[in-house]
C-alpha atoms as a PDB file:
ATOM      1  CA  MET A   1      -6.810 -12.156 -46.194  1.00  0.00           C
ATOM      2  CA  ALA A   2      -3.682 -11.317 -44.214  1.00  0.00           C
ATOM      3  CA  ASN A   3      -5.399  -8.232 -42.809  1.00  0.00           C
ATOM      4  CA  LYS A   4      -8.358 -10.324 -41.655  1.00  0.00           C
ATOM      5  CA  LYS A   5      -6.039 -12.743 -39.859  1.00  0.00           C
ATOM      6  CA  LEU A   6      -4.255  -9.803 -38.230  1.00  0.00           C
ATOM      7  CA  ASP A   7      -7.552  -8.278 -37.089  1.00  0.00           C
ATOM      8  CA  SER A   8      -8.628 -11.644 -35.697  1.00  0.00           C
ATOM      9  CA  LYS A   9      -5.380 -12.013 -33.739  1.00  0.00           C
ATOM     10  CA  GLN A  10      -5.660  -8.458 -32.415  1.00  0.00           C
ATOM     11  CA  LYS A  11      -9.208  -9.112 -31.226  1.00  0.00           C
ATOM     12  CA  GLU A  12      -8.125 -12.360 -29.603  1.00  0.00           C
ATOM     13  CA  THR A  13      -5.206 -10.608 -27.887  1.00  0.00           C
ATOM     14  CA  GLN A  14      -7.455  -7.788 -26.695  1.00  0.00           C
ATOM     15  CA  HIS A  15      -9.985 -10.314 -25.402  1.00  0.00           C
ATOM     16  CA  LYS A  16      -7.278 -12.074 -23.384  1.00  0.00           C
ATOM     17  CA  LEU A  17      -6.045  -8.740 -22.031  1.00  0.00           C
ATOM     18  CA  ASN A  18      -9.583  -7.834 -20.958  1.00  0.00           C
ATOM     19  CA  ILE A  19      -9.942 -11.159 -19.147  1.00  0.00           C
ATOM     20  CA  LEU A  20      -6.600 -10.641 -17.383  1.00  0.00           C
ATOM     21  CA  LYS A  21      -7.679  -7.119 -16.431  1.00  0.00           C
ATOM     22  CA  GLN A  22     -10.924  -8.455 -14.942  1.00  0.00           C
ATOM     23  CA  ILE A  23      -9.057 -11.141 -13.001  1.00  0.00           C
ATOM     24  CA  ASN A  24      -6.584  -8.570 -11.692  1.00  0.00           C
ATOM     25  CA  ASP A  25      -9.402  -6.215 -10.707  1.00  0.00           C
ATOM     26  CA  GLU A  26     -11.172  -9.007  -8.818  1.00  0.00           C
ATOM     27  CA  LYS A  27      -7.953  -9.738  -6.919  1.00  0.00           C
ATOM     28  CA  LYS A  28      -7.588  -6.054  -6.029  1.00  0.00           C
ATOM     29  CA  LYS A  29     -11.193  -5.875  -4.825  1.00  0.00           C
ATOM     30  CA  LYS A  30     -10.717  -8.942  -2.634  1.00  0.00           C
ATOM     31  CA  LYS A  31      -7.510  -7.559  -1.120  1.00  0.00           C
ATOM     32  CA  SER A  32      -9.209  -4.182  -0.595  1.00  0.00           C
ATOM     33  CA  ARG A  33     -11.889  -5.796   1.557  1.00  0.00           C
ATOM     34  CA  GLU A  34      -9.230  -7.305   3.822  1.00  0.00           C
ATOM     35  CA  ASP A  35      -6.429  -4.736   4.018  1.00  0.00           C
ATOM     36  CA  VAL A  36      -6.776  -0.993   4.645  1.00  0.00           C
ATOM     37  CA  ASN A  37      -3.669  -0.157   2.601  1.00  0.00           C
ATOM     38  CA  GLU A  38      -4.958  -2.097  -0.406  1.00  0.00           C
ATOM     39  CA  PHE A  39      -8.322  -0.379   0.010  1.00  0.00           C
ATOM     40  CA  ILE A  40      -6.798   3.113   0.067  1.00  0.00           C
ATOM     41  CA  GLU A  41      -4.677   2.424  -3.016  1.00  0.00           C
ATOM     42  CA  TYR A  42      -7.669   1.014  -4.897  1.00  0.00           C
ATOM     43  CA  VAL A  43     -10.243   3.660  -3.935  1.00  0.00           C
ATOM     44  CA  MET A  44      -8.704   6.973  -2.904  1.00  0.00           C
ATOM     45  CA  ILE A  45      -7.639   9.745  -5.290  1.00  0.00           C
ATOM     46  CA  ASP A  46      -5.241  12.666  -4.761  1.00  0.00           C
ATOM     47  CA  GLU A  47      -5.600  16.287  -5.943  1.00  0.00           C
ATOM     48  CA  MET A  48      -4.187  15.387  -9.364  1.00  0.00           C
ATOM     49  CA  GLY A  49      -6.756  12.647  -9.921  1.00  0.00           C
ATOM     50  CA  ASN A  50      -4.266   9.824  -9.385  1.00  0.00           C
ATOM     51  CA  TYR A  51      -4.899   6.836  -7.160  1.00  0.00           C
ATOM     52  CA  PHE A  52      -2.972   6.809  -3.901  1.00  0.00           C
ATOM     53  CA  LYS A  53       0.279   4.916  -3.589  1.00  0.00           C
ATOM     54  CA  GLN A  54       0.905   4.023   0.035  1.00  0.00           C
ATOM     55  CA  SER A  55       4.329   5.027   1.331  1.00  0.00           C
ATOM     56  CA  HIS A  56       6.236   3.226   4.068  1.00  0.00           C
ATOM     57  CA  ILE A  57       5.182   5.818   6.646  1.00  0.00           C
ATOM     58  CA  HIS A  58       1.482   5.371   5.822  1.00  0.00           C
ATOM     59  CA  ARG A  59       1.735   1.598   6.148  1.00  0.00           C
ATOM     60  CA  ARG A  60       3.519   2.088   9.475  1.00  0.00           C
ATOM     61  CA  TRP A  61       0.598   4.146  10.772  1.00  0.00           C
ATOM     62  CA  HIS A  62      -2.022   1.558   9.885  1.00  0.00           C
ATOM     63  CA  LYS A  63       0.056  -1.314  11.259  1.00  0.00           C
ATOM     64  CA  PHE A  64       0.558   0.598  14.519  1.00  0.00           C
ATOM     65  CA  ILE A  65      -3.167   1.283  14.862  1.00  0.00           C
ATOM     66  CA  ARG A  66      -4.099  -2.381  14.308  1.00  0.00           C
ATOM     67  CA  LYS A  67      -1.488  -3.604  16.781  1.00  0.00           C
ATOM     68  CA  CYS A  68      -2.737  -1.163  19.416  1.00  0.00           C
ATOM     69  CA  TRP A  69      -6.339  -2.225  18.919  1.00  0.00           C
ATOM     70  CA  ASP A  70      -5.349  -5.881  19.168  1.00  0.00           C
ATOM     71  CA  ALA A  71      -3.607  -5.066  22.465  1.00  0.00           C
ATOM     72  CA  GLN A  72      -6.656  -3.049  23.646  1.00  0.00           C
ATOM     73  CA  LYS A  73      -4.705   0.205  23.608  1.00  0.00           C
ATOM     74  CA  ASN A  74      -5.716   3.586  22.201  1.00  0.00           C
ATOM     75  CA  PRO A  75      -3.346   4.456  19.319  1.00  0.00           C
ATOM     76  CA  ALA A  76      -2.104   8.016  18.855  1.00  0.00           C
ATOM     77  CA  ILE A  77       0.081   9.164  15.973  1.00  0.00           C
ATOM     78  CA  LEU A  78       1.906  12.489  16.170  1.00  0.00           C
ATOM     79  CA  ALA A  79       3.572  13.257  12.848  1.00  0.00           C
ATOM     80  CA  PRO A  80       4.662  16.339  10.886  1.00  0.00           C
ATOM     81  CA  TRP A  81       2.015  18.590   9.403  1.00  0.00           C
ATOM     82  CA  GLY A  82       1.220  17.712   5.785  1.00  0.00           C
ATOM     83  CA  ALA A  83       2.160  14.026   6.039  1.00  0.00           C
ATOM     84  CA  GLY A  84      -1.346  12.905   5.057  1.00  0.00           C
ATOM     85  CA  LYS A  85      -2.700  11.849   8.452  1.00  0.00           C
ATOM     86  CA  SER A  86      -6.268  13.045   7.915  1.00  0.00           C
ATOM     87  CA  ARG A  87      -6.657  11.427   4.505  1.00  0.00           C
ATOM     88  CA  GLN A  88      -5.210   8.153   5.710  1.00  0.00           C
ATOM     89  CA  ILE A  89      -7.055   7.855   9.022  1.00  0.00           C
ATOM     90  CA  ALA A  90     -10.085  10.174   9.153  1.00  0.00           C
ATOM     91  CA  ILE A  91     -11.053   9.426   5.538  1.00  0.00           C
ATOM     92  CA  GLY A  92      -9.417   6.211   4.301  1.00  0.00           C
ATOM     93  CA  MET A  93      -9.646   4.178   7.483  1.00  0.00           C
ATOM     94  CA  THR A  94     -13.178   5.408   8.225  1.00  0.00           C
ATOM     95  CA  LEU A  95     -14.402   4.311   4.781  1.00  0.00           C
ATOM     96  CA  PHE A  96     -12.667   0.956   5.179  1.00  0.00           C
ATOM     97  CA  GLU A  97     -14.232   0.330   8.600  1.00  0.00           C
ATOM     98  CA  LEU A  98     -17.695   1.460   7.471  1.00  0.00           C
ATOM     99  CA  GLY A  99     -17.501  -0.848   4.480  1.00  0.00           C
ATOM    100  CA  ARG A 100     -16.656  -3.783   6.700  1.00  0.00           C
ATOM    101  CA  ASN A 101     -19.439  -2.904   9.130  1.00  0.00           C
ATOM    102  CA  PRO A 102     -22.182  -0.547   7.829  1.00  0.00           C
ATOM    103  CA  ASN A 103     -23.690  -0.493  11.341  1.00  0.00           C
ATOM    104  CA  LEU A 104     -20.615   1.248  12.719  1.00  0.00           C
ATOM    105  CA  ARG A 105     -21.129   4.559  14.525  1.00  0.00           C
ATOM    106  CA  VAL A 106     -18.161   6.858  13.912  1.00  0.00           C
ATOM    107  CA  LYS A 107     -17.455  10.173  15.639  1.00  0.00           C
ATOM    108  CA  ILE A 108     -14.756  12.460  14.210  1.00  0.00           C
ATOM    109  CA  VAL A 109     -13.485  15.390  16.266  1.00  0.00           C
ATOM    110  CA  CYS A 110     -11.397  18.099  14.565  1.00  0.00           C
ATOM    111  CA  ASN A 111      -9.816  21.352  15.727  1.00  0.00           C
ATOM    112  CA  SER A 112     -12.631  23.364  14.126  1.00  0.00           C
ATOM    113  CA  ASP A 113     -16.199  23.002  12.955  1.00  0.00           C
ATOM    114  CA  GLU A 114     -15.134  23.946   9.433  1.00  0.00           C
ATOM    115  CA  ASN A 115     -12.604  21.113   9.236  1.00  0.00           C
ATOM    116  CA  ALA A 116     -15.194  18.716  10.654  1.00  0.00           C
ATOM    117  CA  LYS A 117     -17.534  19.603   7.777  1.00  0.00           C
ATOM    118  CA  LYS A 118     -14.709  19.037   5.282  1.00  0.00           C
ATOM    119  CA  ARG A 119     -14.171  15.505   6.603  1.00  0.00           C
ATOM    120  CA  VAL A 120     -17.878  14.714   6.289  1.00  0.00           C
ATOM    121  CA  THR A 121     -18.020  16.167   2.770  1.00  0.00           C
ATOM    122  CA  SER A 122     -15.057  14.053   1.666  1.00  0.00           C
ATOM    123  CA  LEU A 123     -16.546  10.870   3.111  1.00  0.00           C
ATOM    124  CA  LYS A 124     -19.932  11.527   1.508  1.00  0.00           C
ATOM    125  CA  ASN A 125     -18.338  12.226  -1.880  1.00  0.00           C
ATOM    126  CA  TYR A 126     -16.528   8.887  -1.878  1.00  0.00           C
ATOM    127  CA  ILE A 127     -19.642   6.982  -0.812  1.00  0.00           C
ATOM    128  CA  GLU A 128     -21.844   8.708  -3.394  1.00  0.00           C
ATOM    129  CA  LYS A 129     -19.500   8.998  -6.358  1.00  0.00           C
ATOM    130  CA  SER A 130     -16.740   6.385  -6.241  1.00  0.00           C
ATOM    131  CA  ASP A 131     -17.382   3.470  -8.591  1.00  0.00           C
ATOM    132  CA  ARG A 132     -14.527   1.550  -7.015  1.00  0.00           C
ATOM    133  CA  ILE A 133     -15.888   1.810  -3.497  1.00  0.00           C
ATOM    134  CA  LYS A 134     -19.163   0.405  -4.831  1.00  0.00           C
ATOM    135  CA  LYS A 135     -17.237  -2.553  -6.254  1.00  0.00           C
ATOM    136  CA  VAL A 136     -15.456  -3.245  -2.972  1.00  0.00           C
ATOM    137  CA  TYR A 137     -18.374  -2.566  -0.619  1.00  0.00           C
ATOM    138  CA  PRO A 138     -21.682  -2.665  -2.531  1.00  0.00           C
ATOM    139  CA  LYS A 139     -23.650  -2.319   0.729  1.00  0.00           C
ATOM    140  CA  LEU A 140     -22.009   1.021   1.550  1.00  0.00           C
ATOM    141  CA  VAL A 141     -24.971   3.025   0.248  1.00  0.00           C
ATOM    142  CA  PRO A 142     -26.194   6.488   1.356  1.00  0.00           C
ATOM    143  CA  SER A 143     -29.360   6.846   3.380  1.00  0.00           C
ATOM    144  CA  TYR A 144     -30.765  10.222   2.374  1.00  0.00           C
ATOM    145  CA  ASP A 145     -33.121  10.360   5.338  1.00  0.00           C
ATOM    146  CA  HIS A 146     -30.124  11.889   7.100  1.00  0.00           C
ATOM    147  CA  TRP A 147     -27.411  13.436   4.919  1.00  0.00           C
ATOM    148  CA  THR A 148     -26.179  16.741   6.391  1.00  0.00           C
ATOM    149  CA  ASP A 149     -23.034  18.889   6.633  1.00  0.00           C
ATOM    150  CA  HIS A 150     -22.005  17.361   9.954  1.00  0.00           C
ATOM    151  CA  SER A 151     -23.394  13.824   9.849  1.00  0.00           C
ATOM    152  CA  PHE A 152     -24.891  11.148   7.631  1.00  0.00           C
ATOM    153  CA  ASN A 153     -26.298   7.635   7.674  1.00  0.00           C
ATOM    154  CA  ILE A 154     -25.604   4.467   5.721  1.00  0.00           C
ATOM    155  CA  SER A 155     -28.612   2.615   4.325  1.00  0.00           C
ATOM    156  CA  GLY A 156     -29.837  -0.356   6.338  1.00  0.00           C
ATOM    157  CA  ARG A 157     -28.168   0.586   9.629  1.00  0.00           C
ATOM    158  CA  LEU A 158     -29.807  -0.787  12.753  1.00  0.00           C
ATOM    159  CA  TYR A 159     -29.427   2.066  15.253  1.00  0.00           C
ATOM    160  CA  SER A 160     -31.844   4.778  16.395  1.00  0.00           C
ATOM    161  CA  GLU A 161     -32.230   8.291  14.976  1.00  0.00           C
ATOM    162  CA  VAL A 162     -29.853   9.638  17.632  1.00  0.00           C
ATOM    163  CA  ASP A 163     -26.995   7.464  16.369  1.00  0.00           C
ATOM    164  CA  HIS A 164     -25.593   8.392  12.960  1.00  0.00           C
ATOM    165  CA  SER A 165     -23.172   6.397  10.845  1.00  0.00           C
ATOM    166  CA  VAL A 166     -20.729   9.311  10.887  1.00  0.00           C
ATOM    167  CA  GLU A 167     -20.873  12.516  12.895  1.00  0.00           C
ATOM    168  CA  ALA A 168     -18.156  15.176  13.021  1.00  0.00           C
ATOM    169  CA  CYS A 169     -17.668  18.345  15.050  1.00  0.00           C
ATOM    170  CA  GLY A 170     -15.052  20.788  16.300  1.00  0.00           C
ATOM    171  CA  VAL A 171     -13.307  20.173  19.612  1.00  0.00           C
ATOM    172  CA  GLU A 172     -14.883  23.301  21.117  1.00  0.00           C
ATOM    173  CA  SER A 173     -18.361  21.867  20.589  1.00  0.00           C
ATOM    174  CA  ARG A 174     -20.031  20.305  23.597  1.00  0.00           C
ATOM    175  CA  ILE A 175     -22.994  19.082  21.578  1.00  0.00           C
ATOM    176  CA  ILE A 176     -22.608  15.597  20.163  1.00  0.00           C
ATOM    177  CA  GLY A 177     -25.335  12.974  20.226  1.00  0.00           C
ATOM    178  CA  GLY A 178     -25.485   9.217  20.395  1.00  0.00           C
ATOM    179  CA  ARG A 179     -22.820   6.626  21.049  1.00  0.00           C
ATOM    180  CA  ALA A 180     -19.617   5.745  19.188  1.00  0.00           C
ATOM    181  CA  ASP A 181     -18.017   2.473  18.127  1.00  0.00           C
ATOM    182  CA  LEU A 182     -15.089   4.325  16.557  1.00  0.00           C
ATOM    183  CA  LEU A 183     -13.872   7.702  17.805  1.00  0.00           C
ATOM    184  CA  ILE A 184     -11.292   9.599  15.748  1.00  0.00           C
ATOM    185  CA  PHE A 185      -9.491  12.671  17.038  1.00  0.00           C
ATOM    186  CA  ASP A 186      -8.175  14.440  13.938  1.00  0.00           C
ATOM    187  CA  ASP A 187      -5.742  17.292  14.688  1.00  0.00           C
ATOM    188  CA  ILE A 188      -7.764  18.573  17.642  1.00  0.00           C
ATOM    189  CA  VAL A 189      -4.716  20.537  18.843  1.00  0.00           C
ATOM    190  CA  ASP A 190      -3.592  23.533  16.775  1.00  0.00           C
ATOM    191  CA  ASN A 191      -1.419  26.616  17.248  1.00  0.00           C
ATOM    192  CA  LYS A 192      -3.945  28.143  19.660  1.00  0.00           C
ATOM    193  CA  SER A 193      -2.452  25.748  22.197  1.00  0.00           C
ATOM    194  CA  GLU A 194       0.853  27.631  22.025  1.00  0.00           C
ATOM    195  CA  GLN A 195      -0.751  30.857  23.183  1.00  0.00           C
ATOM    196  CA  SER A 196      -3.691  30.033  25.437  1.00  0.00           C
ATOM    197  CA  PRO A 197      -3.618  27.973  28.670  1.00  0.00           C
ATOM    198  CA  ALA A 198      -7.431  28.219  28.774  1.00  0.00           C
ATOM    199  CA  TYR A 199      -7.697  26.691  25.301  1.00  0.00           C
ATOM    200  CA  ARG A 200      -5.352  23.865  26.268  1.00  0.00           C
ATOM    201  CA  GLN A 201      -7.467  23.077  29.318  1.00  0.00           C
ATOM    202  CA  MET A 202     -10.718  23.226  27.351  1.00  0.00           C
ATOM    203  CA  THR A 203      -9.328  20.786  24.794  1.00  0.00           C
ATOM    204  CA  LYS A 204      -8.275  18.322  27.485  1.00  0.00           C
ATOM    205  CA  ASP A 205     -11.600  18.605  29.321  1.00  0.00           C
ATOM    206  CA  ASN A 206     -13.695  18.076  26.188  1.00  0.00           C
ATOM    207  CA  LEU A 207     -11.527  15.191  25.022  1.00  0.00           C
ATOM    208  CA  GLU A 208     -11.956  13.209  28.232  1.00  0.00           C
ATOM    209  CA  ASN A 209     -15.310  14.347  29.601  1.00  0.00           C
ATOM    210  CA  VAL A 210     -17.372  15.006  26.471  1.00  0.00           C
ATOM    211  CA  PHE A 211     -16.149  12.924  23.552  1.00  0.00           C
ATOM    212  CA  MET A 212     -14.613   9.866  25.198  1.00  0.00           C
ATOM    213  CA  SER A 213     -17.737   9.511  27.332  1.00  0.00           C
ATOM    214  CA  ARG A 214     -19.615   8.643  24.109  1.00  0.00           C
ATOM    215  CA  LEU A 215     -17.460   5.603  23.364  1.00  0.00           C
ATOM    216  CA  GLU A 216     -18.949   2.145  23.822  1.00  0.00           C
ATOM    217  CA  PRO A 217     -17.018  -0.166  26.209  1.00  0.00           C
ATOM    218  CA  SER A 218     -15.941  -2.218  23.191  1.00  0.00           C
ATOM    219  CA  GLY A 219     -15.286   0.883  21.091  1.00  0.00           C
ATOM    220  CA  ARG A 220     -12.009   1.890  19.458  1.00  0.00           C
ATOM    221  CA  ILE A 221     -10.127   5.182  19.336  1.00  0.00           C
ATOM    222  CA  GLY A 222      -7.650   6.654  16.874  1.00  0.00           C
ATOM    223  CA  LEU A 223      -5.839   9.942  17.451  1.00  0.00           C
ATOM    224  CA  ILE A 224      -3.744  11.799  14.879  1.00  0.00           C
ATOM    225  CA  GLY A 225      -2.108  15.167  15.237  1.00  0.00           C
ATOM    226  CA  THR A 226       0.945  17.349  15.663  1.00  0.00           C
ATOM    227  CA  MET A 227       2.519  18.375  18.954  1.00  0.00           C
ATOM    228  CA  TRP A 228       2.303  22.127  19.589  1.00  0.00           C
ATOM    229  CA  HIS A 229       2.968  22.638  23.303  1.00  0.00           C
ATOM    230  CA  ARG A 230       4.377  20.570  26.161  1.00  0.00           C
ATOM    231  CA  ASP A 231       1.097  21.027  28.051  1.00  0.00           C
ATOM    232  CA  ASP A 232      -1.336  20.398  25.182  1.00  0.00           C
ATOM    233  CA  ALA A 233      -3.916  17.601  25.041  1.00  0.00           C
ATOM    234  CA  HIS A 234      -1.522  15.227  23.295  1.00  0.00           C
ATOM    235  CA  CYS A 235       1.148  15.544  25.978  1.00  0.00           C
ATOM    236  CA  PHE A 236      -1.590  15.182  28.582  1.00  0.00           C
ATOM    237  CA  LEU A 237      -2.334  11.673  27.244  1.00  0.00           C
ATOM    238  CA  ILE A 238       1.272  10.492  26.877  1.00  0.00           C
ATOM    239  CA  GLY A 239       2.100   8.040  29.636  1.00  0.00           C
ATOM    240  CA  LYS A 240      -1.510   7.109  30.390  1.00  0.00           C
ATOM    241  CA  GLN A 241      -1.783   3.334  30.589  1.00  0.00           C
ATOM    242  CA  SER A 242      -4.579   3.028  28.043  1.00  0.00           C
ATOM    243  CA  TRP A 243      -2.702   4.980  25.354  1.00  0.00           C
ATOM    244  CA  LYS A 244       0.208   4.179  23.037  1.00  0.00           C
ATOM    245  CA  PHE A 245       1.951   6.935  21.049  1.00  0.00           C
ATOM    246  CA  MET A 246       3.904   6.828  17.806  1.00  0.00           C
ATOM    247  CA  ILE A 247       5.792  10.132  17.609  1.00  0.00           C
ATOM    248  CA  GLN A 248       7.509  10.994  14.329  1.00  0.00           C
ATOM    249  CA  GLY A 249       9.605  13.962  13.258  1.00  0.00           C
ATOM    250  CA  VAL A 250      12.043  15.028  10.566  1.00  0.00           C
ATOM    251  CA  SER A 251      15.694  14.327  11.392  1.00  0.00           C
ATOM    252  CA  ASP A 252      18.111  17.225  11.935  1.00  0.00           C
ATOM    253  CA  ASP A 253      19.732  16.598   8.555  1.00  0.00           C
ATOM    254  CA  PHE A 254      16.301  16.361   6.837  1.00  0.00           C
ATOM    255  CA  GLU A 255      17.262  12.951   5.439  1.00  0.00           C
ATOM    256  CA  CYS A 256      14.703  10.751   7.187  1.00  0.00           C
ATOM    257  CA  ILE A 257      11.762  10.483   9.567  1.00  0.00           C
ATOM    258  CA  GLU A 258      12.732   9.667  13.146  1.00  0.00           C
ATOM    259  CA  GLU A 259      10.297   7.724  15.303  1.00  0.00           C
ATOM    260  CA  ILE A 260       9.745   6.773  18.917  1.00  0.00           C
ATOM    261  CA  ILE A 261       6.999   4.654  20.510  1.00  0.00           C
ATOM    262  CA  VAL A 262       5.888   5.564  24.036  1.00  0.00           C
END
């Protein structure tokens, strides 16, 4: 008899815990629809299979981007290599924005075609395979009429065949179709800029004359990268009225991240 009472209490306790878990999950889903940091922590997974935990620096990046957009400025973040810029912005923020608006047209420009394909693959994997992203944004569904290495569509989008939900390419490419509501420059400058004036000029020309020409008047830009040369494309943009830069680096004593806004 005592064992039956114990089993009954255990079941009741487990039932209450399940209800609390469901309530907590609903709260997380709601927050994830409204806040990019909550979304990334709820949906994104690292190499070890653990869900992301946003650090102070990551939250700073997203806050900076939102403030720039609100002020109608183009945000650029230059931070040390390996700080997680691509996962946060090119992947996490792109998924968040697509979930909020499945009609969004996103262009992602990387330093190479190979890295562009990696970004597209990562985005497609989350959209296809993540149960949590389906909970947060149930309308973020693949459209297999166009699902390629460099671009893909979301089901139910309203634009023409020329305009894809996401399209990515290398900075040396001059072939990119359609228009963009969100344009992300993801590490378009690499160590080639240290050695080649011609490469630096090509990068600047393509940035302004090819890719930015695709942006809608109401479109938004996000740039992330690392500074390689005082005459590279990043330095070329610093000081332009339409741009705002957050520049971060490791302090001389390696104790903290130093930051300036220009």
